[in-house]
PDB file of N, CA and C in Angstrom:
ATOM      1  N   MET A   1       0.536  92.206 -37.344  1.00  0.00           N
ATOM      2  CA  MET A   1      -0.656  91.670 -38.016  1.00  0.00           C
ATOM      3  C   MET A   1      -0.338  90.300 -38.620  1.00  0.00           C
ATOM      4  N   VAL A   2      -1.218  89.354 -38.395  1.00  0.00           N
ATOM      5  CA  VAL A   2      -0.989  87.997 -38.892  1.00  0.00           C
ATOM      6  C   VAL A   2      -1.582  87.857 -40.284  1.00  0.00           C
ATOM      7  N   SER A   3      -0.782  87.395 -41.212  1.00  0.00           N
ATOM      8  CA  SER A   3      -1.264  87.220 -42.585  1.00  0.00           C
ATOM      9  C   SER A   3      -2.035  85.916 -42.717  1.00  0.00           C
ATOM     10  N   ALA A   4      -2.797  85.804 -43.790  1.00  0.00           N
ATOM     11  CA  ALA A   4      -3.596  84.596 -44.008  1.00  0.00           C
ATOM     12  C   ALA A   4      -2.697  83.381 -44.208  1.00  0.00           C
ATOM     13  N   VAL A   5      -1.520  83.618 -44.773  1.00  0.00           N
ATOM     14  CA  VAL A   5      -0.591  82.507 -45.005  1.00  0.00           C
ATOM     15  C   VAL A   5      -0.103  81.936 -43.680  1.00  0.00           C
ATOM     16  N   ASP A   6       0.100  82.799 -42.708  1.00  0.00           N
ATOM     17  CA  ASP A   6       0.550  82.335 -41.392  1.00  0.00           C
ATOM     18  C   ASP A   6      -0.604  81.733 -40.597  1.00  0.00           C
ATOM     19  N   ALA A   7      -1.786  82.282 -40.779  1.00  0.00           N
ATOM     20  CA  ALA A   7      -2.937  81.841 -39.994  1.00  0.00           C
ATOM     21  C   ALA A   7      -3.485  80.509 -40.493  1.00  0.00           C
ATOM     22  N   SER A   8      -3.367  80.258 -41.790  1.00  0.00           N
ATOM     23  CA  SER A   8      -3.938  79.045 -42.376  1.00  0.00           C
ATOM     24  C   SER A   8      -3.422  77.757 -41.733  1.00  0.00           C
ATOM     25  N   PRO A   9      -2.118  77.536 -41.673  1.00  0.00           N
ATOM     26  CA  PRO A   9      -1.621  76.304 -41.050  1.00  0.00           C
ATOM     27  C   PRO A   9      -2.040  76.198 -39.589  1.00  0.00           C
ATOM     28  N   ARG A  10      -2.080  77.329 -38.901  1.00  0.00           N
ATOM     29  CA  ARG A  10      -2.483  77.306 -37.490  1.00  0.00           C
ATOM     30  C   ARG A  10      -3.943  76.911 -37.365  1.00  0.00           C
ATOM     31  N   LEU A  11      -4.772  77.419 -38.284  1.00  0.00           N
ATOM     32  CA  LEU A  11      -6.196  77.094 -38.244  1.00  0.00           C
ATOM     33  C   LEU A  11      -6.407  75.618 -38.540  1.00  0.00           C
ATOM     34  N   ILE A  12      -5.672  75.114 -39.527  1.00  0.00           N
ATOM     35  CA  ILE A  12      -5.768  73.693 -39.871  1.00  0.00           C
ATOM     36  C   ILE A  12      -5.300  72.840 -38.696  1.00  0.00           C
ATOM     37  N   TYR A  13      -4.211  73.255 -38.059  1.00  0.00           N
ATOM     38  CA  TYR A  13      -3.690  72.515 -36.907  1.00  0.00           C
ATOM     39  C   TYR A  13      -4.698  72.533 -35.766  1.00  0.00           C
ATOM     40  N   LEU A  14      -5.344  73.687 -35.576  1.00  0.00           N
ATOM     41  CA  LEU A  14      -6.327  73.820 -34.508  1.00  0.00           C
ATOM     42  C   LEU A  14      -7.505  72.890 -34.751  1.00  0.00           C
ATOM     43  N   CYS A  15      -7.982  72.837 -35.995  1.00  0.00           N
ATOM     44  CA  CYS A  15      -9.101  71.954 -36.331  1.00  0.00           C
ATOM     45  C   CYS A  15      -8.701  70.495 -36.139  1.00  0.00           C
ATOM     46  N   ASP A  16      -7.487  70.149 -36.553  1.00  0.00           N
ATOM     47  CA  ASP A  16      -7.005  68.777 -36.429  1.00  0.00           C
ATOM     48  C   ASP A  16      -6.879  68.397 -34.959  1.00  0.00           C
ATOM     49  N   ALA A  17      -6.366  69.308 -34.160  1.00  0.00           N
ATOM     50  CA  ALA A  17      -6.202  69.048 -32.734  1.00  0.00           C
ATOM     51  C   ALA A  17      -7.558  68.931 -32.053  1.00  0.00           C
ATOM     52  N   THR A  18      -8.517  69.726 -32.515  1.00  0.00           N
ATOM     53  CA  THR A  18      -9.853  69.682 -31.923  1.00  0.00           C
ATOM     54  C   THR A  18     -10.505  68.335 -32.191  1.00  0.00           C
ATOM     55  N   GLN A  19     -10.313  67.799 -33.379  1.00  0.00           N
ATOM     56  CA  GLN A  19     -10.888  66.497 -33.704  1.00  0.00           C
ATOM     57  C   GLN A  19     -10.250  65.402 -32.865  1.00  0.00           C
ATOM     58  N   LYS A  20      -8.940  65.486 -32.674  1.00  0.00           N
ATOM     59  CA  LYS A  20      -8.234  64.472 -31.899  1.00  0.00           C
ATOM     60  C   LYS A  20      -8.591  64.567 -30.416  1.00  0.00           C
ATOM     61  N   ASN A  21      -8.842  65.779 -29.962  1.00  0.00           N
ATOM     62  CA  ASN A  21      -9.114  65.987 -28.534  1.00  0.00           C
ATOM     63  C   ASN A  21     -10.581  66.310 -28.295  1.00  0.00           C
ATOM     64  N   ARG A  22     -11.448  65.687 -29.097  1.00  0.00           N
ATOM     65  CA  ARG A  22     -12.872  66.001 -28.990  1.00  0.00           C
ATOM     66  C   ARG A  22     -13.410  65.636 -27.606  1.00  0.00           C
ATOM     67  N   PHE A  23     -12.968  64.509 -27.078  1.00  0.00           N
ATOM     68  CA  PHE A  23     -13.422  64.096 -25.752  1.00  0.00           C
ATOM     69  C   PHE A  23     -13.027  65.131 -24.710  1.00  0.00           C
ATOM     70  N   PHE A  24     -11.784  65.607 -24.800  1.00  0.00           N
ATOM     71  CA  PHE A  24     -11.308  66.613 -23.858  1.00  0.00           C
ATOM     72  C   PHE A  24     -12.085  67.907 -24.017  1.00  0.00           C
ATOM     73  N   ALA A  25     -12.387  68.276 -25.263  1.00  0.00           N
ATOM     74  CA  ALA A  25     -13.119  69.514 -25.520  1.00  0.00           C
ATOM     75  C   ALA A  25     -14.527  69.432 -24.942  1.00  0.00           C
ATOM     76  N   GLU A  26     -15.176  68.289 -25.134  1.00  0.00           N
ATOM     77  CA  GLU A  26     -16.532  68.124 -24.610  1.00  0.00           C
ATOM     78  C   GLU A  26     -16.512  68.117 -23.083  1.00  0.00           C
ATOM     79  N   TRP A  27     -15.491  67.501 -22.499  1.00  0.00           N
ATOM     80  CA  TRP A  27     -15.373  67.482 -21.043  1.00  0.00           C
ATOM     81  C   TRP A  27     -15.157  68.891 -20.512  1.00  0.00           C
ATOM     82  N   LEU A  28     -14.325  69.657 -21.236  1.00  0.00           N
ATOM     83  CA  LEU A  28     -14.043  71.027 -20.820  1.00  0.00           C
ATOM     84  C   LEU A  28     -15.311  71.875 -20.882  1.00  0.00           C
ATOM     85  N   LEU A  29     -16.092  71.726 -21.953  1.00  0.00           N
ATOM     86  CA  LEU A  29     -17.343  72.474 -22.072  1.00  0.00           C
ATOM     87  C   LEU A  29     -18.305  72.075 -20.952  1.00  0.00           C
ATOM     88  N   TYR A  30     -18.320  70.775 -20.622  1.00  0.00           N
ATOM     89  CA  TYR A  30     -19.186  70.291 -19.545  1.00  0.00           C
ATOM     90  C   TYR A  30     -18.795  70.923 -18.218  1.00  0.00           C
ATOM     91  N   MET A  31     -17.504  70.994 -17.944  1.00  0.00           N
ATOM     92  CA  MET A  31     -17.037  71.590 -16.697  1.00  0.00           C
ATOM     93  C   MET A  31     -17.362  73.076 -16.647  1.00  0.00           C
ATOM     94  N   ILE A  32     -17.229  73.760 -17.780  1.00  0.00           N
ATOM     95  CA  ILE A  32     -17.552  75.191 -17.826  1.00  0.00           C
ATOM     96  C   ILE A  32     -19.031  75.403 -17.540  1.00  0.00           C
ATOM     97  N   GLN A  33     -19.877  74.545 -18.084  1.00  0.00           N
ATOM     98  CA  GLN A  33     -21.310  74.664 -17.846  1.00  0.00           C
ATOM     99  C   GLN A  33     -21.628  74.415 -16.377  1.00  0.00           C
ATOM    100  N   MET A  34     -20.935  73.467 -15.768  1.00  0.00           N
ATOM    101  CA  MET A  34     -21.172  73.161 -14.361  1.00  0.00           C
ATOM    102  C   MET A  34     -20.784  74.347 -13.482  1.00  0.00           C
ATOM    103  N   VAL A  35     -19.709  75.034 -13.844  1.00  0.00           N
ATOM    104  CA  VAL A  35     -19.258  76.188 -13.061  1.00  0.00           C
ATOM    105  C   VAL A  35     -20.217  77.359 -13.225  1.00  0.00           C
ATOM    106  N   ASN A  36     -20.739  77.538 -14.423  1.00  0.00           N
ATOM    107  CA  ASN A  36     -21.603  78.687 -14.692  1.00  0.00           C
ATOM    108  C   ASN A  36     -22.974  78.551 -14.053  1.00  0.00           C
ATOM    109  N   THR A  37     -23.434  77.318 -13.823  1.00  0.00           N
ATOM    110  CA  THR A  37     -24.775  77.139 -13.273  1.00  0.00           C
ATOM    111  C   THR A  37     -24.770  77.262 -11.766  1.00  0.00           C
TER     112      THR A  37
END
């Protein structure tokens, strides 16, 4: 079981990485939508 203390830095890192890779994230969502349609 993951404690909140362990999850917190990972969550912060995930949010930070998402902001830095926003273009990649949007491109990935676009590709997923193209595959699903």
